[in-house]
Amino acid sequence: MKIKFPVFILIISVLFQNLVFSNTVQYLSPMPGSKYNSEQTNILIGFSNQLSANAFKSITLKVEGLLSGLHSGNLLSVSNNTRVIYETDEPFELGEKVTVSGYDGKNKFSFYIRNEKISFSYFIRNELNYPKNDDRSSNYGYTPYRFSTDSLPNLIIINNGPTAPGYIFILNFANNSSITSYCMILNNNGTPKYSRLLGGNGFDFKKQNSHLLTYYDEIHQKYLGLNDNYVVVDSFSCGNGYNTDFHELRVLGDGSSWLMSYDPQYIDMSKIVPGGNVHTLVTGLIVQHINAQKNVIFQWRSWDHFQITDATHENLLASNIDYVHGNAIEIDTDSNIIISSRHMDEITKINSTTGDIIWRLGGKNNQFVFSNDSIGFSHQHCIRRLENQNLLLFDNGNYHTPAFSRAIEYQINETNKTVNLVWQYIRTPSIYASAMGSVQRLSNGNTLIGWGSASPTLTEVTPEGNIAYELLLPSGQMSYRAFRFEWQDNVTDVHQKINLIPSKYCLYQNFPNPFNPITNIRYDITKNGFVKLMVFDMLGREIETLVNEKQSTGTYEATFDASNYPSGVYFYRLTTDGFNETKKMVLIK
């Protein structure tokens, strides 16, 4: 239900003295006293019991920004009438204090909007900054079967069997825009049951349920959903003004989804650590639950629950700090969530009703005793809860000595706070995947390991640690995650190509941004013509011309190397037939 309010009123609170219902507030978002909130945030109030129609109608409070004044908007009842959302008609002002009053008939709380809107997207190139010592050309002594078709990547396959039933799901990409990316569903011999050519990089191609496949599309910067006819039928993105991160999407049976966003804020680190930079770009983590109607019905922010100093290996004196680096969300059997925070070496269980932390495993705030795994996990990925209640994860092992990667299964006692290593797989010779990676327990007890940035691309092993199947992409190509799923579509073998003819001119935000010292600028051209792409400094002086030529219809990418320029704000401008657009980018050294 929706109620439209006059400009001078925002109604969102319950009068506890009113005997129409007996209820308590369990959850408030933004959290009272919280900082760095998005100016586009909605306001959420969660209750212990369902709201009756009369109780919902009796909600009477207002929201007022110190600079923007009173806000009007829409009030919605969601989550089986246990939660209300207020969506403002206009965003809040940057840097202002917002006060919500009357939500329980007498009290009020305040929160603060971030001081600056930072144009930022986290791209896979940021993930690949760690040095790697793996040899992607090695085939480990096997005589492999090679398969190629059309322009799909050449594959190296070792099939010792028996494997679990189902198809291989991978999406190849490279840290190089010249490599063509495909969503691929492959038989064990490498022949494609399905492939989909993308216009740019993609990640995390997987089955969500019997009728839905999803992958992250870097050009659109959101997840796209395909039905069992391989038609795009849905998209999944964060709300409240946050960009959608590529690391995780989990779609539930009710059509709701869990997503994450990376949230950069400029912070004076000199107040947190001696010698800290007074203007540091610090990246936090946002976790959101989005209902089927695309409303944010739960939001959790690292700013409210973690400390920047929780990072285990980040340089806190640097000008750019990514202190959390979330990379996985698991929906636990009790409907709470478990998240993986790579740069904190931590796995955290969070109450999905209240937002409170239930427990912390690993890192500086570890609450558990590791009974038989003295090294623990380091810079991990892909935490998953198994049917036996154990935890399965990919341990990248960046800070093991020496560095190596493994798949591990922990038996965890959440009451006594103990952890027991019951299974692990370390390949011989050992593999070190500095970034990315996945692990999946299969129906026959085998485990599929995606090696992320390393080679081979994936390995399926038996419970005894014997290799049943292995697949390698060409040198320089990788897959963020790798899966095996049983999958039934409604068509015969099909290969799809996204229409690469842009529907309109577009200049995309550079990535990464902020950058040091190299960034990439992508743009769309709808018809043949002369194209000019220039870079300007803060004074409006042209410092470089990246493109100055006639180009055909299509999507292009140019690279700007700022090695010879100082830190600061720069602008780039695309000029072509009837189109002219300028965007800002930030160089931080």
Foldseek 3Di string as FASTA:
>chain_A
DKDWDDAQFDFDAFACVDVPDHKDWQAWPPDFAAAAAALQDKIKTFIPDADDPVRVVRGGWWKAKPPPGTFIFMWDQDDNRRMIIGGTPDGGDAFIKMKIPCRHHGDIGIYTHHNDDADFAADCVVQPPDDFDFDQVDPPPDDFQWDDDDLDFIKTKDFQDDDFDFWKWFWKDFPDFVDWIWTFTADRNGDTQEIETAQGGKADWDDQDQFWTWIAHVVVQWIFIAGLQRDGDDIDADDSPFGWHRQDWHADPQRKIKTKGKRWGFAQCCVVDPLAHGTATEIWMKIFIAGNVRDTNFIAICSVPPDLVLFDDFDRRARYHDRFCWRDWEQDPVRWIWIHGQRNQWIWTAGRRNRHTLAIPDGPRHPAAEPPDVVRAHSWHAWYQDPVRWIWTKRLQVPDVVRFIKIWIWDADSVRRYIYTDAMEADVVTGHQSGAKYWDQGPVRWIKIQSANHPPRIFIAHRVRHTRMTMRGPPRMHHRYMDGDHHDGDDGRYYHYDPFQDPDWDKDDWPRFQDAFKIKTKIFDNAWWWKWKFKAAPVRHTDDIFGTGIDGGGMDMTMDGCPPPDWDKMKMWMDIDVDIDMDIGTYGD
